[in-house]
Every structure is written in structure tokens, then in C-alpha cells.
PDB file of N, CA and C in Angstrom:
ATOM      1  N   MET A   1      -8.147   7.119  -3.277  1.00  0.00           N
ATOM      2  CA  MET A   1      -8.644   6.337  -2.163  1.00  0.00           C
ATOM      3  C   MET A   1      -9.764   7.044  -1.417  1.00  0.00           C
ATOM      4  N   SER A   2      -9.833   8.347  -1.514  1.00  0.00           N
ATOM      5  CA  SER A   2     -10.831   9.065  -0.731  1.00  0.00           C
ATOM      6  C   SER A   2     -12.252   8.785  -1.213  1.00  0.00           C
ATOM      7  N   ASP A   3     -12.404   8.234  -2.417  1.00  0.00           N
ATOM      8  CA  ASP A   3     -13.747   7.899  -2.880  1.00  0.00           C
ATOM      9  C   ASP A   3     -14.112   6.452  -2.575  1.00  0.00           C
ATOM     10  N   TRP A   4     -13.221   5.703  -1.923  1.00  0.00           N
ATOM     11  CA  TRP A   4     -13.516   4.333  -1.509  1.00  0.00           C
ATOM     12  C   TRP A   4     -14.507   4.350  -0.353  1.00  0.00           C
ATOM     13  N   PRO A   5     -15.291   3.296  -0.185  1.00  0.00           N
ATOM     14  CA  PRO A   5     -16.155   3.202   0.998  1.00  0.00           C
ATOM     15  C   PRO A   5     -15.311   3.172   2.279  1.00  0.00           C
ATOM     16  N   LEU A   6     -15.902   3.621   3.349  1.00  0.00           N
ATOM     17  CA  LEU A   6     -15.187   3.711   4.620  1.00  0.00           C
ATOM     18  C   LEU A   6     -14.628   2.353   5.048  1.00  0.00           C
ATOM     19  N   SER A   7     -15.381   1.292   4.834  1.00  0.00           N
ATOM     20  CA  SER A   7     -14.914  -0.025   5.265  1.00  0.00           C
ATOM     21  C   SER A   7     -13.634  -0.434   4.536  1.00  0.00           C
ATOM     22  N   LEU A   8     -13.513  -0.129   3.255  1.00  0.00           N
ATOM     23  CA  LEU A   8     -12.292  -0.458   2.518  1.00  0.00           C
ATOM     24  C   LEU A   8     -11.120   0.407   2.956  1.00  0.00           C
ATOM     25  N   ARG A   9     -11.385   1.672   3.262  1.00  0.00           N
ATOM     26  CA  ARG A   9     -10.312   2.544   3.750  1.00  0.00           C
ATOM     27  C   ARG A   9      -9.803   2.064   5.094  1.00  0.00           C
ATOM     28  N   LEU A  10     -10.726   1.663   5.974  1.00  0.00           N
ATOM     29  CA  LEU A  10     -10.308   1.138   7.282  1.00  0.00           C
ATOM     30  C   LEU A  10      -9.554  -0.175   7.131  1.00  0.00           C
ATOM     31  N   LEU A  11      -9.979  -1.020   6.218  1.00  0.00           N
ATOM     32  CA  LEU A  11      -9.299  -2.289   5.983  1.00  0.00           C
ATOM     33  C   LEU A  11      -7.880  -2.061   5.461  1.00  0.00           C
ATOM     34  N   ALA A  12      -7.715  -1.160   4.513  1.00  0.00           N
ATOM     35  CA  ALA A  12      -6.381  -0.869   3.974  1.00  0.00           C
ATOM     36  C   ALA A  12      -5.468  -0.321   5.066  1.00  0.00           C
ATOM     37  N   THR A  13      -6.009   0.540   5.917  1.00  0.00           N
ATOM     38  CA  THR A  13      -5.222   1.095   7.013  1.00  0.00           C
ATOM     39  C   THR A  13      -4.853   0.013   8.019  1.00  0.00           C
ATOM     40  N   ALA A  14      -5.798  -0.854   8.348  1.00  0.00           N
ATOM     41  CA  ALA A  14      -5.533  -1.925   9.308  1.00  0.00           C
ATOM     42  C   ALA A  14      -4.481  -2.903   8.787  1.00  0.00           C
ATOM     43  N   VAL A  15      -4.526  -3.210   7.502  1.00  0.00           N
ATOM     44  CA  VAL A  15      -3.533  -4.114   6.925  1.00  0.00           C
ATOM     45  C   VAL A  15      -2.141  -3.487   6.986  1.00  0.00           C
ATOM     46  N   ALA A  16      -2.046  -2.216   6.631  1.00  0.00           N
ATOM     47  CA  ALA A  16      -0.748  -1.535   6.657  1.00  0.00           C
ATOM     48  C   ALA A  16      -0.187  -1.483   8.079  1.00  0.00           C
ATOM     49  N   ILE A  17      -1.032  -1.153   9.040  1.00  0.00           N
ATOM     50  CA  ILE A  17      -0.580  -1.085  10.431  1.00  0.00           C
ATOM     51  C   ILE A  17      -0.227  -2.481  10.944  1.00  0.00           C
ATOM     52  N   GLY A  18      -1.039  -3.468  10.608  1.00  0.00           N
ATOM     53  CA  GLY A  18      -0.780  -4.833  11.055  1.00  0.00           C
ATOM     54  C   GLY A  18       0.537  -5.380  10.538  1.00  0.00           C
ATOM     55  N   LEU A  19       0.832  -5.137   9.275  1.00  0.00           N
ATOM     56  CA  LEU A  19       2.101  -5.599   8.713  1.00  0.00           C
ATOM     57  C   LEU A  19       3.288  -4.867   9.340  1.00  0.00           C
ATOM     58  N   THR A  20       3.108  -3.603   9.665  1.00  0.00           N
ATOM     59  CA  THR A  20       4.172  -2.846  10.318  1.00  0.00           C
ATOM     60  C   THR A  20       4.434  -3.386  11.727  1.00  0.00           C
ATOM     61  N   VAL A  21       3.375  -3.642  12.467  1.00  0.00           N
ATOM     62  CA  VAL A  21       3.521  -4.199  13.821  1.00  0.00           C
ATOM     63  C   VAL A  21       4.183  -5.567  13.752  1.00  0.00           C
ATOM     64  N   TRP A  22       3.783  -6.396  12.794  1.00  0.00           N
ATOM     65  CA  TRP A  22       4.391  -7.710  12.641  1.00  0.00           C
ATOM     66  C   TRP A  22       5.891  -7.586  12.351  1.00  0.00           C
ATOM     67  N   ALA A  23       6.262  -6.665  11.458  1.00  0.00           N
ATOM     68  CA  ALA A  23       7.679  -6.494  11.123  1.00  0.00           C
ATOM     69  C   ALA A  23       8.474  -6.054  12.350  1.00  0.00           C
ATOM     70  N   PHE A  24       7.928  -5.131  13.139  1.00  0.00           N
ATOM     71  CA  PHE A  24       8.622  -4.707  14.361  1.00  0.00           C
ATOM     72  C   PHE A  24       8.759  -5.861  15.343  1.00  0.00           C
ATOM     73  N   SER A  25       7.707  -6.664  15.482  1.00  0.00           N
ATOM     74  CA  SER A  25       7.766  -7.764  16.450  1.00  0.00           C
ATOM     75  C   SER A  25       8.757  -8.844  16.033  1.00  0.00           C
ATOM     76  N   GLU A  26       8.994  -8.984  14.751  1.00  0.00           N
ATOM     77  CA  GLU A  26       9.974  -9.947  14.251  1.00  0.00           C
ATOM     78  C   GLU A  26      11.393  -9.381  14.261  1.00  0.00           C
ATOM     79  N   GLY A  27      11.527  -8.095  14.496  1.00  0.00           N
ATOM     80  CA  GLY A  27      12.836  -7.464  14.518  1.00  0.00           C
ATOM     81  C   GLY A  27      13.366  -7.111  13.142  1.00  0.00           C
ATOM     82  N   ALA A  28      12.501  -7.114  12.162  1.00  0.00           N
ATOM     83  CA  ALA A  28      12.898  -6.774  10.789  1.00  0.00           C
ATOM     84  C   ALA A  28      12.741  -5.263  10.608  1.00  0.00           C
ATOM     85  N   MET A  29      13.827  -4.550  10.767  1.00  0.00           N
ATOM     86  CA  MET A  29      13.746  -3.096  10.783  1.00  0.00           C
ATOM     87  C   MET A  29      13.501  -2.476   9.407  1.00  0.00           C
ATOM     88  N   VAL A  30      14.100  -3.026   8.367  1.00  0.00           N
ATOM     89  CA  VAL A  30      13.886  -2.441   7.037  1.00  0.00           C
ATOM     90  C   VAL A  30      12.417  -2.561   6.623  1.00  0.00           C
ATOM     91  N   PRO A  31      11.794  -3.746   6.718  1.00  0.00           N
ATOM     92  CA  PRO A  31      10.361  -3.803   6.398  1.00  0.00           C
ATOM     93  C   PRO A  31       9.508  -2.957   7.345  1.00  0.00           C
ATOM     94  N   ALA A  32       9.935  -2.812   8.584  1.00  0.00           N
ATOM     95  CA  ALA A  32       9.177  -1.992   9.528  1.00  0.00           C
ATOM     96  C   ALA A  32       9.199  -0.531   9.114  1.00  0.00           C
ATOM     97  N   VAL A  33      10.347  -0.043   8.694  1.00  0.00           N
ATOM     98  CA  VAL A  33      10.442   1.350   8.251  1.00  0.00           C
ATOM     99  C   VAL A  33       9.631   1.553   6.968  1.00  0.00           C
ATOM    100  N   ILE A  34       9.695   0.591   6.073  1.00  0.00           N
ATOM    101  CA  ILE A  34       8.872   0.669   4.859  1.00  0.00           C
ATOM    102  C   ILE A  34       7.388   0.646   5.239  1.00  0.00           C
ATOM    103  N   GLY A  35       7.040  -0.163   6.219  1.00  0.00           N
ATOM    104  CA  GLY A  35       5.659  -0.225   6.690  1.00  0.00           C
ATOM    105  C   GLY A  35       5.179   1.087   7.263  1.00  0.00           C
ATOM    106  N   ILE A  36       6.051   1.793   7.966  1.00  0.00           N
ATOM    107  CA  ILE A  36       5.684   3.109   8.491  1.00  0.00           C
ATOM    108  C   ILE A  36       5.378   4.062   7.338  1.00  0.00           C
ATOM    109  N   ALA A  37       6.224   4.040   6.321  1.00  0.00           N
ATOM    110  CA  ALA A  37       6.002   4.912   5.166  1.00  0.00           C
ATOM    111  C   ALA A  37       4.699   4.562   4.454  1.00  0.00           C
ATOM    112  N   VAL A  38       4.424   3.274   4.305  1.00  0.00           N
ATOM    113  CA  VAL A  38       3.184   2.847   3.651  1.00  0.00           C
ATOM    114  C   VAL A  38       1.974   3.241   4.493  1.00  0.00           C
ATOM    115  N   THR A  39       2.080   3.081   5.805  1.00  0.00           N
ATOM    116  CA  THR A  39       0.977   3.460   6.686  1.00  0.00           C
ATOM    117  C   THR A  39       0.692   4.952   6.594  1.00  0.00           C
ATOM    118  N   ILE A  40       1.729   5.766   6.595  1.00  0.00           N
ATOM    119  CA  ILE A  40       1.538   7.217   6.462  1.00  0.00           C
ATOM    120  C   ILE A  40       0.875   7.538   5.128  1.00  0.00           C
ATOM    121  N   PHE A  41       1.332   6.904   4.057  1.00  0.00           N
ATOM    122  CA  PHE A  41       0.750   7.134   2.738  1.00  0.00           C
ATOM    123  C   PHE A  41      -0.732   6.760   2.714  1.00  0.00           C
ATOM    124  N   VAL A  42      -1.062   5.586   3.267  1.00  0.00           N
ATOM    125  CA  VAL A  42      -2.450   5.120   3.253  1.00  0.00           C
ATOM    126  C   VAL A  42      -3.347   6.036   4.071  1.00  0.00           C
ATOM    127  N   VAL A  43      -2.892   6.435   5.249  1.00  0.00           N
ATOM    128  CA  VAL A  43      -3.703   7.310   6.102  1.00  0.00           C
ATOM    129  C   VAL A  43      -3.908   8.664   5.428  1.00  0.00           C
ATOM    130  N   LYS A  44      -2.849   9.222   4.843  1.00  0.00           N
ATOM    131  CA  LYS A  44      -2.994  10.508   4.166  1.00  0.00           C
ATOM    132  C   LYS A  44      -3.953  10.407   2.986  1.00  0.00           C
ATOM    133  N   ARG A  45      -3.814   9.361   2.176  1.00  0.00           N
ATOM    134  CA  ARG A  45      -4.670   9.212   1.000  1.00  0.00           C
ATOM    135  C   ARG A  45      -6.103   8.882   1.378  1.00  0.00           C
ATOM    136  N   SER A  46      -6.287   8.105   2.445  1.00  0.00           N
ATOM    137  CA  SER A  46      -7.631   7.645   2.809  1.00  0.00           C
ATOM    138  C   SER A  46      -8.433   8.684   3.563  1.00  0.00           C
ATOM    139  N   PHE A  47      -7.801   9.386   4.472  1.00  0.00           N
ATOM    140  CA  PHE A  47      -8.568  10.224   5.396  1.00  0.00           C
ATOM    141  C   PHE A  47      -8.212  11.712   5.322  1.00  0.00           C
ATOM    142  N   LEU A  48      -6.976  12.061   5.035  1.00  0.00           N
ATOM    143  CA  LEU A  48      -6.581  13.470   5.094  1.00  0.00           C
ATOM    144  C   LEU A  48      -6.686  14.191   3.762  1.00  0.00           C
ATOM    145  N   SER A  49      -6.921  13.473   2.682  1.00  0.00           N
ATOM    146  CA  SER A  49      -7.006  14.136   1.383  1.00  0.00           C
ATOM    147  C   SER A  49      -8.338  14.855   1.200  1.00  0.00           C
ATOM    148  N   GLN A  50      -9.295  14.622   2.067  1.00  0.00           N
ATOM    149  CA  GLN A  50     -10.601  15.276   1.966  1.00  0.00           C
ATOM    150  C   GLN A  50     -10.651  16.600   2.689  1.00  0.00           C
ATOM    151  N   ILE A  51      -9.625  16.911   3.446  1.00  0.00           N
ATOM    152  CA  ILE A  51      -9.619  18.139   4.247  1.00  0.00           C
ATOM    153  C   ILE A  51      -9.323  19.318   3.352  1.00  0.00           C
TER     154      ILE A  51
END
């Protein structure tokens, strides 16, 4: 993911965060916890793997 354009990395991160927020707002805890894990994975792969 680190070789993706910045706009695609931001879009992937926004989708992951948006789905997590939606799951929390609906009270669906299992998808929310999965969403947190996916968000962490996306952020690490998109932005922190270049460090």
C-alpha cells in the first residue's frame, strides 16, 4: 500500500474509519472491533511502513 498514491491511501483509511464509526453508532460491537483492527492495519500499511 505504501506505493499507492496519497489519495487512494487516504480513501482507504477514510473508508475503514467510516465503517468503524458506523458500526459503533449502530451498537454492533463485533464489527466495530473488527473495524478497529482493519483501521490499524490500513494506517500501518499506508503511512507507517515508510518509516
